[in-house]
Amino acid sequence: MKFSINPDSFTLGDMEDFEEVTGKTLKDALKPVPLYEDDGVTRQFDEKGRPLSEANVTAKVLTALVWLAHRANGNPDFTLAEARRVKVTELVFVEDEDEDSEGNA
């Protein structure tokens, strides 16, 4: 299953639907949180000394994103129930290819 998730293609209605399903705004659902060592106090850093963080995407958030992405990518009749039946192994996650460029903090 190949599709893209581009928040710029979401409508206000899509955003409302996302909030209704997840109980979160898209920004809050995908907001990166700092990574800490096992002690819970010491921040983790990459090889260049930059603090590491990651988004903790829940299954509910992922399902809603699949649902909205399909609707935005030309399948407006794709349902939330159909999104729930998508197997995790069918999803392909890609990172921004230009992550070191300015503006990709």
PDB file of N, CA and C in Angstrom:
ATOM      1  N   MET A   1       0.853  -1.160   0.000  1.00  0.00           N
ATOM      2  CA  MET A   1       0.000   0.000   0.000  1.00  0.00           C
ATOM      3  C   MET A   1       0.897   1.221   0.000  1.00  0.00           C
ATOM      4  N   LYS A   2       0.797   2.004  -1.040  1.00  0.00           N
ATOM      5  CA  LYS A   2       1.650   3.171  -1.135  1.00  0.00           C
ATOM      6  C   LYS A   2       0.776   4.416  -1.239  1.00  0.00           C
ATOM      7  N   PHE A   3       0.977   5.325  -0.349  1.00  0.00           N
ATOM      8  CA  PHE A   3       0.283   6.602  -0.367  1.00  0.00           C
ATOM      9  C   PHE A   3       1.116   7.577   0.428  1.00  0.00           C
ATOM     10  N   SER A   4       0.823   8.843   0.264  1.00  0.00           N
ATOM     11  CA  SER A   4       1.599   9.834   0.999  1.00  0.00           C
ATOM     12  C   SER A   4       0.707  10.556   1.994  1.00  0.00           C
ATOM     13  N   ILE A   5       1.322  10.973   3.067  1.00  0.00           N
ATOM     14  CA  ILE A   5       0.620  11.778   4.057  1.00  0.00           C
ATOM     15  C   ILE A   5       1.197  13.177   3.977  1.00  0.00           C
ATOM     16  N   ASN A   6       0.423  14.071   3.413  1.00  0.00           N
ATOM     17  CA  ASN A   6       0.837  15.455   3.269  1.00  0.00           C
ATOM     18  C   ASN A   6      -0.195  16.324   3.974  1.00  0.00           C
ATOM     19  N   PRO A   7       0.110  16.818   5.159  1.00  0.00           N
ATOM     20  CA  PRO A   7      -0.858  17.631   5.893  1.00  0.00           C
ATOM     21  C   PRO A   7      -1.368  18.830   5.105  1.00  0.00           C
ATOM     22  N   ASP A   8      -0.599  19.299   4.129  1.00  0.00           N
ATOM     23  CA  ASP A   8      -1.046  20.432   3.321  1.00  0.00           C
ATOM     24  C   ASP A   8      -2.268  20.083   2.479  1.00  0.00           C
ATOM     25  N   SER A   9      -2.514  18.791   2.250  1.00  0.00           N
ATOM     26  CA  SER A   9      -3.656  18.389   1.433  1.00  0.00           C
ATOM     27  C   SER A   9      -4.920  18.182   2.264  1.00  0.00           C
ATOM     28  N   PHE A  10      -4.805  18.256   3.598  1.00  0.00           N
ATOM     29  CA  PHE A  10      -5.967  18.052   4.455  1.00  0.00           C
ATOM     30  C   PHE A  10      -6.825  19.316   4.505  1.00  0.00           C
ATOM     31  N   THR A  11      -8.141  19.111   4.502  1.00  0.00           N
ATOM     32  CA  THR A  11      -9.084  20.215   4.622  1.00  0.00           C
ATOM     33  C   THR A  11      -9.384  20.476   6.097  1.00  0.00           C
ATOM     34  N   LEU A  12     -10.079  21.538   6.370  1.00  0.00           N
ATOM     35  CA  LEU A  12     -10.502  21.789   7.755  1.00  0.00           C
ATOM     36  C   LEU A  12     -11.405  20.662   8.243  1.00  0.00           C
ATOM     37  N   GLY A  13     -12.241  20.147   7.354  1.00  0.00           N
ATOM     38  CA  GLY A  13     -13.095  19.014   7.707  1.00  0.00           C
ATOM     39  C   GLY A  13     -12.278  17.788   8.074  1.00  0.00           C
ATOM     40  N   ASP A  14     -11.193  17.552   7.320  1.00  0.00           N
ATOM     41  CA  ASP A  14     -10.291  16.438   7.648  1.00  0.00           C
ATOM     42  C   ASP A  14      -9.712  16.616   9.041  1.00  0.00           C
ATOM     43  N   MET A  15      -9.312  17.831   9.341  1.00  0.00           N
ATOM     44  CA  MET A  15      -8.715  18.102  10.651  1.00  0.00           C
ATOM     45  C   MET A  15      -9.738  17.873  11.768  1.00  0.00           C
ATOM     46  N   GLU A  16     -10.980  18.304  11.528  1.00  0.00           N
ATOM     47  CA  GLU A  16     -12.037  18.043  12.515  1.00  0.00           C
ATOM     48  C   GLU A  16     -12.256  16.541  12.689  1.00  0.00           C
ATOM     49  N   ASP A  17     -12.283  15.807  11.568  1.00  0.00           N
ATOM     50  CA  ASP A  17     -12.467  14.359  11.636  1.00  0.00           C
ATOM     51  C   ASP A  17     -11.332  13.712  12.431  1.00  0.00           C
ATOM     52  N   PHE A  18     -10.100  14.149  12.182  1.00  0.00           N
ATOM     53  CA  PHE A  18      -8.943  13.616  12.900  1.00  0.00           C
ATOM     54  C   PHE A  18      -9.103  13.861  14.401  1.00  0.00           C
ATOM     55  N   GLU A  19      -9.462  15.086  14.775  1.00  0.00           N
ATOM     56  CA  GLU A  19      -9.625  15.425  16.185  1.00  0.00           C
ATOM     57  C   GLU A  19     -10.751  14.619  16.826  1.00  0.00           C
ATOM     58  N   GLU A  20     -11.837  14.391  16.076  1.00  0.00           N
ATOM     59  CA  GLU A  20     -12.956  13.627  16.611  1.00  0.00           C
ATOM     60  C   GLU A  20     -12.558  12.173  16.875  1.00  0.00           C
ATOM     61  N   VAL A  21     -11.797  11.596  15.956  1.00  0.00           N
ATOM     62  CA  VAL A  21     -11.391  10.191  16.085  1.00  0.00           C
ATOM     63  C   VAL A  21     -10.318  10.007  17.154  1.00  0.00           C
ATOM     64  N   THR A  22      -9.334  10.911  17.190  1.00  0.00           N
ATOM     65  CA  THR A  22      -8.184  10.719  18.078  1.00  0.00           C
ATOM     66  C   THR A  22      -8.274  11.470  19.400  1.00  0.00           C
ATOM     67  N   GLY A  23      -9.065  12.526  19.432  1.00  0.00           N
ATOM     68  CA  GLY A  23      -9.116  13.363  20.630  1.00  0.00           C
ATOM     69  C   GLY A  23      -7.936  14.312  20.724  1.00  0.00           C
ATOM     70  N   LYS A  24      -7.145  14.407  19.632  1.00  0.00           N
ATOM     71  CA  LYS A  24      -5.953  15.262  19.616  1.00  0.00           C
ATOM     72  C   LYS A  24      -5.919  16.074  18.323  1.00  0.00           C
ATOM     73  N   THR A  25      -5.232  17.209  18.383  1.00  0.00           N
ATOM     74  CA  THR A  25      -4.945  17.926  17.152  1.00  0.00           C
ATOM     75  C   THR A  25      -3.826  17.178  16.425  1.00  0.00           C
ATOM     76  N   LEU A  26      -3.724  17.374  15.122  1.00  0.00           N
ATOM     77  CA  LEU A  26      -2.667  16.720  14.359  1.00  0.00           C
ATOM     78  C   LEU A  26      -1.296  17.138  14.893  1.00  0.00           C
ATOM     79  N   LYS A  27      -1.151  18.412  15.206  1.00  0.00           N
ATOM     80  CA  LYS A  27       0.122  18.914  15.733  1.00  0.00           C
ATOM     81  C   LYS A  27       0.498  18.205  17.031  1.00  0.00           C
ATOM     82  N   ASP A  28      -0.456  18.076  17.945  1.00  0.00           N
ATOM     83  CA  ASP A  28      -0.172  17.416  19.221  1.00  0.00           C
ATOM     84  C   ASP A  28       0.092  15.922  19.041  1.00  0.00           C
ATOM     85  N   ALA A  29      -0.623  15.297  18.106  1.00  0.00           N
ATOM     86  CA  ALA A  29      -0.467  13.850  17.891  1.00  0.00           C
ATOM     87  C   ALA A  29       0.896  13.502  17.315  1.00  0.00           C
ATOM     88  N   LEU A  30       1.487  14.432  16.558  1.00  0.00           N
ATOM     89  CA  LEU A  30       2.763  14.151  15.897  1.00  0.00           C
ATOM     90  C   LEU A  30       3.933  14.921  16.501  1.00  0.00           C
ATOM     91  N   LYS A  31       3.685  15.610  17.600  1.00  0.00           N
ATOM     92  CA  LYS A  31       4.722  16.425  18.231  1.00  0.00           C
ATOM     93  C   LYS A  31       5.849  15.559  18.780  1.00  0.00           C
ATOM     94  N   PRO A  32       7.080  15.828  18.368  1.00  0.00           N
ATOM     95  CA  PRO A  32       8.208  15.060  18.903  1.00  0.00           C
ATOM     96  C   PRO A  32       8.425  15.352  20.385  1.00  0.00           C
ATOM     97  N   VAL A  33       8.799  14.316  21.103  1.00  0.00           N
ATOM     98  CA  VAL A  33       9.128  14.469  22.519  1.00  0.00           C
ATOM     99  C   VAL A  33      10.595  14.098  22.708  1.00  0.00           C
ATOM    100  N   PRO A  34      11.263  14.729  23.653  1.00  0.00           N
ATOM    101  CA  PRO A  34      12.681  14.444  23.876  1.00  0.00           C
ATOM    102  C   PRO A  34      12.914  12.988  24.277  1.00  0.00           C
ATOM    103  N   LEU A  35      14.049  12.454  23.850  1.00  0.00           N
ATOM    104  CA  LEU A  35      14.465  11.114  24.269  1.00  0.00           C
ATOM    105  C   LEU A  35      15.453  11.229  25.418  1.00  0.00           C
ATOM    106  N   TYR A  36      15.263  10.360  26.406  1.00  0.00           N
ATOM    107  CA  TYR A  36      16.112  10.357  27.588  1.00  0.00           C
ATOM    108  C   TYR A  36      16.771   8.998  27.756  1.00  0.00           C
ATOM    109  N   GLU A  37      17.886   8.996  28.471  1.00  0.00           N
ATOM    110  CA  GLU A  37      18.557   7.744  28.832  1.00  0.00           C
ATOM    111  C   GLU A  37      17.659   6.982  29.806  1.00  0.00           C
ATOM    112  N   ASP A  38      18.054   5.765  30.148  1.00  0.00           N
ATOM    113  CA  ASP A  38      17.258   4.928  31.044  1.00  0.00           C
ATOM    114  C   ASP A  38      17.016   5.565  32.409  1.00  0.00           C
ATOM    115  N   ASP A  39      17.885   6.507  32.804  1.00  0.00           N
ATOM    116  CA  ASP A  39      17.702   7.154  34.106  1.00  0.00           C
ATOM    117  C   ASP A  39      16.533   8.145  34.105  1.00  0.00           C
ATOM    118  N   GLY A  40      15.995   8.462  32.918  1.00  0.00           N
ATOM    119  CA  GLY A  40      14.853   9.363  32.815  1.00  0.00           C
ATOM    120  C   GLY A  40      15.193  10.823  32.975  1.00  0.00           C
ATOM    121  N   VAL A  41      16.468  11.153  33.160  1.00  0.00           N
ATOM    122  CA  VAL A  41      16.891  12.527  33.397  1.00  0.00           C
ATOM    123  C   VAL A  41      17.820  13.033  32.294  1.00  0.00           C
ATOM    124  N   THR A  42      18.741  12.187  31.862  1.00  0.00           N
ATOM    125  CA  THR A  42      19.768  12.582  30.912  1.00  0.00           C
ATOM    126  C   THR A  42      19.237  12.510  29.484  1.00  0.00           C
ATOM    127  N   ARG A  43      19.313  13.660  28.778  1.00  0.00           N
ATOM    128  CA  ARG A  43      18.862  13.707  27.377  1.00  0.00           C
ATOM    129  C   ARG A  43      19.778  12.893  26.488  1.00  0.00           C
ATOM    130  N   GLN A  44      19.237  12.342  25.409  1.00  0.00           N
ATOM    131  CA  GLN A  44      20.024  11.636  24.399  1.00  0.00           C
ATOM    132  C   GLN A  44      20.359  12.601  23.271  1.00  0.00           C
ATOM    133  N   PHE A  45      21.565  12.450  22.717  1.00  0.00           N
ATOM    134  CA  PHE A  45      22.031  13.311  21.630  1.00  0.00           C
ATOM    135  C   PHE A  45      22.560  12.450  20.494  1.00  0.00           C
ATOM    136  N   ASP A  46      22.498  12.978  19.266  1.00  0.00           N
ATOM    137  CA  ASP A  46      23.059  12.248  18.129  1.00  0.00           C
ATOM    138  C   ASP A  46      24.555  12.514  18.037  1.00  0.00           C
ATOM    139  N   GLU A  47      25.194  11.947  17.010  1.00  0.00           N
ATOM    140  CA  GLU A  47      26.652  12.057  16.865  1.00  0.00           C
ATOM    141  C   GLU A  47      27.125  13.488  16.633  1.00  0.00           C
ATOM    142  N   LYS A  48      26.212  14.385  16.239  1.00  0.00           N
ATOM    143  CA  LYS A  48      26.577  15.789  16.024  1.00  0.00           C
ATOM    144  C   LYS A  48      26.242  16.666  17.230  1.00  0.00           C
ATOM    145  N   GLY A  49      25.781  16.023  18.307  1.00  0.00           N
ATOM    146  CA  GLY A  49      25.473  16.762  19.529  1.00  0.00           C
ATOM    147  C   GLY A  49      24.075  17.355  19.563  1.00  0.00           C
ATOM    148  N   ARG A  50      23.233  17.004  18.595  1.00  0.00           N
ATOM    149  CA  ARG A  50      21.866  17.520  18.565  1.00  0.00           C
ATOM    150  C   ARG A  50      20.974  16.648  19.439  1.00  0.00           C
ATOM    151  N   PRO A  51      20.056  17.269  20.217  1.00  0.00           N
ATOM    152  CA  PRO A  51      19.161  16.481  21.068  1.00  0.00           C
ATOM    153  C   PRO A  51      18.239  15.608  20.209  1.00  0.00           C
ATOM    154  N   LEU A  52      18.049  14.366  20.638  1.00  0.00           N
ATOM    155  CA  LEU A  52      17.174  13.439  19.923  1.00  0.00           C
ATOM    156  C   LEU A  52      15.751  13.545  20.445  1.00  0.00           C
ATOM    157  N   SER A  53      14.808  13.353  19.533  1.00  0.00           N
ATOM    158  CA  SER A  53      13.402  13.309  19.907  1.00  0.00           C
ATOM    159  C   SER A  53      12.676  12.412  18.923  1.00  0.00           C
ATOM    160  N   GLU A  54      11.482  11.978  19.305  1.00  0.00           N
ATOM    161  CA  GLU A  54      10.666  11.162  18.419  1.00  0.00           C
ATOM    162  C   GLU A  54       9.197  11.388  18.743  1.00  0.00           C
ATOM    163  N   ALA A  55       8.357  11.175  17.744  1.00  0.00           N
ATOM    164  CA  ALA A  55       6.919  11.255  17.956  1.00  0.00           C
ATOM    165  C   ALA A  55       6.433   9.879  18.398  1.00  0.00           C
ATOM    166  N   ASN A  56       5.598   9.850  19.396  1.00  0.00           N
ATOM    167  CA  ASN A  56       5.002   8.602  19.868  1.00  0.00           C
ATOM    168  C   ASN A  56       3.628   8.466  19.226  1.00  0.00           C
ATOM    169  N   VAL A  57       3.606   7.891  18.026  1.00  0.00           N
ATOM    170  CA  VAL A  57       2.371   7.797  17.250  1.00  0.00           C
ATOM    171  C   VAL A  57       1.594   6.561  17.699  1.00  0.00           C
ATOM    172  N   THR A  58       0.393   6.785  18.198  1.00  0.00           N
ATOM    173  CA  THR A  58      -0.453   5.684  18.658  1.00  0.00           C
ATOM    174  C   THR A  58      -1.131   5.008  17.469  1.00  0.00           C
ATOM    175  N   ALA A  59      -1.671   3.823  17.706  1.00  0.00           N
ATOM    176  CA  ALA A  59      -2.404   3.102  16.661  1.00  0.00           C
ATOM    177  C   ALA A  59      -3.613   3.920  16.197  1.00  0.00           C
ATOM    178  N   LYS A  60      -4.270   4.595  17.117  1.00  0.00           N
ATOM    179  CA  LYS A  60      -5.437   5.403  16.762  1.00  0.00           C
ATOM    180  C   LYS A  60      -5.027   6.556  15.844  1.00  0.00           C
ATOM    181  N   VAL A  61      -3.910   7.191  16.135  1.00  0.00           N
ATOM    182  CA  VAL A  61      -3.407   8.282  15.303  1.00  0.00           C
ATOM    183  C   VAL A  61      -3.004   7.748  13.931  1.00  0.00           C
ATOM    184  N   LEU A  62      -2.313   6.635  13.901  1.00  0.00           N
ATOM    185  CA  LEU A  62      -1.887   6.043  12.636  1.00  0.00           C
ATOM    186  C   LEU A  62      -3.089   5.663  11.778  1.00  0.00           C
ATOM    187  N   THR A  63      -4.098   5.067  12.394  1.00  0.00           N
ATOM    188  CA  THR A  63      -5.315   4.695  11.664  1.00  0.00           C
ATOM    189  C   THR A  63      -5.981   5.932  11.073  1.00  0.00           C
ATOM    190  N   ALA A  64      -6.085   6.986  11.861  1.00  0.00           N
ATOM    191  CA  ALA A  64      -6.707   8.224  11.373  1.00  0.00           C
ATOM    192  C   ALA A  64      -5.897   8.826  10.232  1.00  0.00           C
ATOM    193  N   LEU A  65      -4.572   8.770  10.313  1.00  0.00           N
ATOM    194  CA  LEU A  65      -3.730   9.299   9.238  1.00  0.00           C
ATOM    195  C   LEU A  65      -3.908   8.498   7.952  1.00  0.00           C
ATOM    196  N   VAL A  66      -3.982   7.177   8.061  1.00  0.00           N
ATOM    197  CA  VAL A  66      -4.219   6.332   6.883  1.00  0.00           C
ATOM    198  C   VAL A  66      -5.567   6.687   6.263  1.00  0.00           C
ATOM    199  N   TRP A  67      -6.567   6.839   7.085  1.00  0.00           N
ATOM    200  CA  TRP A  67      -7.917   7.195   6.633  1.00  0.00           C
ATOM    201  C   TRP A  67      -7.908   8.526   5.888  1.00  0.00           C
ATOM    202  N   LEU A  68      -7.326   9.551   6.504  1.00  0.00           N
ATOM    203  CA  LEU A  68      -7.299  10.875   5.872  1.00  0.00           C
ATOM    204  C   LEU A  68      -6.444  10.894   4.617  1.00  0.00           C
ATOM    205  N   ALA A  69      -5.320  10.192   4.651  1.00  0.00           N
ATOM    206  CA  ALA A  69      -4.431  10.179   3.488  1.00  0.00           C
ATOM    207  C   ALA A  69      -5.118   9.553   2.280  1.00  0.00           C
ATOM    208  N   HIS A  70      -5.825   8.463   2.494  1.00  0.00           N
ATOM    209  CA  HIS A  70      -6.546   7.835   1.381  1.00  0.00           C
ATOM    210  C   HIS A  70      -7.610   8.772   0.830  1.00  0.00           C
ATOM    211  N   ARG A  71      -8.328   9.426   1.706  1.00  0.00           N
ATOM    212  CA  ARG A  71      -9.359  10.369   1.251  1.00  0.00           C
ATOM    213  C   ARG A  71      -8.732  11.518   0.464  1.00  0.00           C
ATOM    214  N   ALA A  72      -7.615  12.035   0.970  1.00  0.00           N
ATOM    215  CA  ALA A  72      -6.957  13.178   0.322  1.00  0.00           C
ATOM    216  C   ALA A  72      -6.278  12.783  -0.991  1.00  0.00           C
ATOM    217  N   ASN A  73      -5.931  11.501  -1.126  1.00  0.00           N
ATOM    218  CA  ASN A  73      -5.232  11.028  -2.325  1.00  0.00           C
ATOM    219  C   ASN A  73      -6.170  10.400  -3.342  1.00  0.00           C
ATOM    220  N   GLY A  74      -7.390  10.891  -3.409  1.00  0.00           N
ATOM    221  CA  GLY A  74      -8.287  10.485  -4.482  1.00  0.00           C
ATOM    222  C   GLY A  74      -9.247   9.357  -4.180  1.00  0.00           C
ATOM    223  N   ASN A  75      -9.391   8.962  -2.926  1.00  0.00           N
ATOM    224  CA  ASN A  75     -10.342   7.914  -2.565  1.00  0.00           C
ATOM    225  C   ASN A  75     -11.249   8.450  -1.454  1.00  0.00           C
ATOM    226  N   PRO A  76     -12.148   9.410  -1.803  1.00  0.00           N
ATOM    227  CA  PRO A  76     -12.953  10.071  -0.776  1.00  0.00           C
ATOM    228  C   PRO A  76     -13.931   9.147  -0.049  1.00  0.00           C
ATOM    229  N   ASP A  77     -14.201   7.974  -0.610  1.00  0.00           N
ATOM    230  CA  ASP A  77     -15.130   7.038   0.023  1.00  0.00           C
ATOM    231  C   ASP A  77     -14.446   6.046   0.959  1.00  0.00           C
ATOM    232  N   PHE A  78     -13.108   6.151   1.082  1.00  0.00           N
ATOM    233  CA  PHE A  78     -12.359   5.270   1.978  1.00  0.00           C
ATOM    234  C   PHE A  78     -12.829   5.518   3.402  1.00  0.00           C
ATOM    235  N   THR A  79     -13.161   4.456   4.106  1.00  0.00           N
ATOM    236  CA  THR A  79     -13.749   4.614   5.442  1.00  0.00           C
ATOM    237  C   THR A  79     -12.741   4.351   6.557  1.00  0.00           C
ATOM    238  N   LEU A  80     -13.099   4.800   7.731  1.00  0.00           N
ATOM    239  CA  LEU A  80     -12.284   4.540   8.912  1.00  0.00           C
ATOM    240  C   LEU A  80     -12.214   3.037   9.177  1.00  0.00           C
ATOM    241  N   ALA A  81     -13.302   2.336   8.924  1.00  0.00           N
ATOM    242  CA  ALA A  81     -13.308   0.878   9.097  1.00  0.00           C
ATOM    243  C   ALA A  81     -12.306   0.222   8.151  1.00  0.00           C
ATOM    244  N   GLU A  82     -12.190   0.713   6.924  1.00  0.00           N
ATOM    245  CA  GLU A  82     -11.213   0.175   5.980  1.00  0.00           C
ATOM    246  C   GLU A  82      -9.789   0.471   6.459  1.00  0.00           C
ATOM    247  N   ALA A  83      -9.587   1.654   7.000  1.00  0.00           N
ATOM    248  CA  ALA A  83      -8.264   2.019   7.515  1.00  0.00           C
ATOM    249  C   ALA A  83      -7.868   1.096   8.657  1.00  0.00           C
ATOM    250  N   ARG A  84      -8.818   0.703   9.469  1.00  0.00           N
ATOM    251  CA  ARG A  84      -8.533  -0.192  10.599  1.00  0.00           C
ATOM    252  C   ARG A  84      -8.113  -1.590  10.140  1.00  0.00           C
ATOM    253  N   ARG A  85      -8.474  -1.951   8.916  1.00  0.00           N
ATOM    254  CA  ARG A  85      -8.115  -3.283   8.402  1.00  0.00           C
ATOM    255  C   ARG A  85      -6.764  -3.306   7.682  1.00  0.00           C
ATOM    256  N   VAL A  86      -6.124  -2.149   7.543  1.00  0.00           N
ATOM    257  CA  VAL A  86      -4.810  -2.098   6.894  1.00  0.00           C
ATOM    258  C   VAL A  86      -3.790  -2.748   7.819  1.00  0.00           C
ATOM    259  N   LYS A  87      -3.019  -3.666   7.270  1.00  0.00           N
ATOM    260  CA  LYS A  87      -1.993  -4.344   8.070  1.00  0.00           C
ATOM    261  C   LYS A  87      -0.770  -3.435   8.215  1.00  0.00           C
ATOM    262  N   VAL A  88      -0.185  -3.446   9.376  1.00  0.00           N
ATOM    263  CA  VAL A  88       0.999  -2.634   9.641  1.00  0.00           C
ATOM    264  C   VAL A  88       2.100  -2.960   8.641  1.00  0.00           C
ATOM    265  N   THR A  89       2.206  -4.220   8.260  1.00  0.00           N
ATOM    266  CA  THR A  89       3.251  -4.626   7.313  1.00  0.00           C
ATOM    267  C   THR A  89       3.027  -4.056   5.912  1.00  0.00           C
ATOM    268  N   GLU A  90       1.843  -3.518   5.655  1.00  0.00           N
ATOM    269  CA  GLU A  90       1.556  -2.910   4.357  1.00  0.00           C
ATOM    270  C   GLU A  90       2.008  -1.452   4.288  1.00  0.00           C
ATOM    271  N   LEU A  91       2.302  -0.877   5.423  1.00  0.00           N
ATOM    272  CA  LEU A  91       2.674   0.536   5.472  1.00  0.00           C
ATOM    273  C   LEU A  91       4.164   0.707   5.212  1.00  0.00           C
ATOM    274  N   VAL A  92       4.492   1.785   4.540  1.00  0.00           N
ATOM    275  CA  VAL A  92       5.891   2.118   4.279  1.00  0.00           C
ATOM    276  C   VAL A  92       6.136   3.493   4.881  1.00  0.00           C
ATOM    277  N   PHE A  93       7.080   3.561   5.809  1.00  0.00           N
ATOM    278  CA  PHE A  93       7.422   4.823   6.449  1.00  0.00           C
ATOM    279  C   PHE A  93       8.722   5.337   5.851  1.00  0.00           C
ATOM    280  N   VAL A  94       8.719   6.581   5.438  1.00  0.00           N
ATOM    281  CA  VAL A  94       9.934   7.178   4.884  1.00  0.00           C
ATOM    282  C   VAL A  94      10.221   8.462   5.629  1.00  0.00           C
ATOM    283  N   GLU A  95      11.503   8.743   5.772  1.00  0.00           N
ATOM    284  CA  GLU A  95      11.922   9.985   6.410  1.00  0.00           C
ATOM    285  C   GLU A  95      12.135  11.043   5.355  1.00  0.00           C
ATOM    286  N   ASP A  96      12.132  12.281   5.788  1.00  0.00           N
ATOM    287  CA  ASP A  96      12.439  13.391   4.901  1.00  0.00           C
ATOM    288  C   ASP A  96      13.834  13.175   4.337  1.00  0.00           C
ATOM    289  N   GLU A  97      13.942  13.158   3.006  1.00  0.00           N
ATOM    290  CA  GLU A  97      15.231  12.877   2.376  1.00  0.00           C
ATOM    291  C   GLU A  97      16.265  13.956   2.626  1.00  0.00           C
ATOM    292  N   ASP A  98      15.811  15.156   2.959  1.00  0.00           N
ATOM    293  CA  ASP A  98      16.720  16.290   3.117  1.00  0.00           C
ATOM    294  C   ASP A  98      16.694  16.767   4.559  1.00  0.00           C
ATOM    295  N   GLU A  99      16.858  15.825   5.496  1.00  0.00           N
ATOM    296  CA  GLU A  99      16.680  16.168   6.906  1.00  0.00           C
ATOM    297  C   GLU A  99      17.740  17.096   7.466  1.00  0.00           C
ATOM    298  N   ASP A 100      18.886  17.242   6.798  1.00  0.00           N
ATOM    299  CA  ASP A 100      19.896  18.162   7.288  1.00  0.00           C
ATOM    300  C   ASP A 100      19.729  19.565   6.738  1.00  0.00           C
ATOM    301  N   SER A 101      18.745  19.763   5.858  1.00  0.00           N
ATOM    302  CA  SER A 101      18.573  21.094   5.279  1.00  0.00           C
ATOM    303  C   SER A 101      17.979  22.042   6.303  1.00  0.00           C
ATOM    304  N   GLU A 102      18.165  23.323   6.059  1.00  0.00           N
ATOM    305  CA  GLU A 102      17.650  24.342   6.978  1.00  0.00           C
ATOM    306  C   GLU A 102      16.142  24.245   7.050  1.00  0.00           C
ATOM    307  N   GLY A 103      15.569  24.376   8.222  1.00  0.00           N
ATOM    308  CA  GLY A 103      14.139  24.333   8.402  1.00  0.00           C
ATOM    309  C   GLY A 103      13.613  22.960   8.790  1.00  0.00           C
ATOM    310  N   ASN A 104      14.441  21.938   8.794  1.00  0.00           N
ATOM    311  CA  ASN A 104      14.012  20.607   9.186  1.00  0.00           C
ATOM    312  C   ASN A 104      14.577  20.262  10.560  1.00  0.00           C
ATOM    313  N   ALA A 105      14.154  21.016  11.545  1.00  0.00           N
ATOM    314  CA  ALA A 105      14.656  20.799  12.897  1.00  0.00           C
ATOM    315  C   ALA A 105      13.905  19.660  13.560  1.00  0.00           C
TER     316      ALA A 105
END
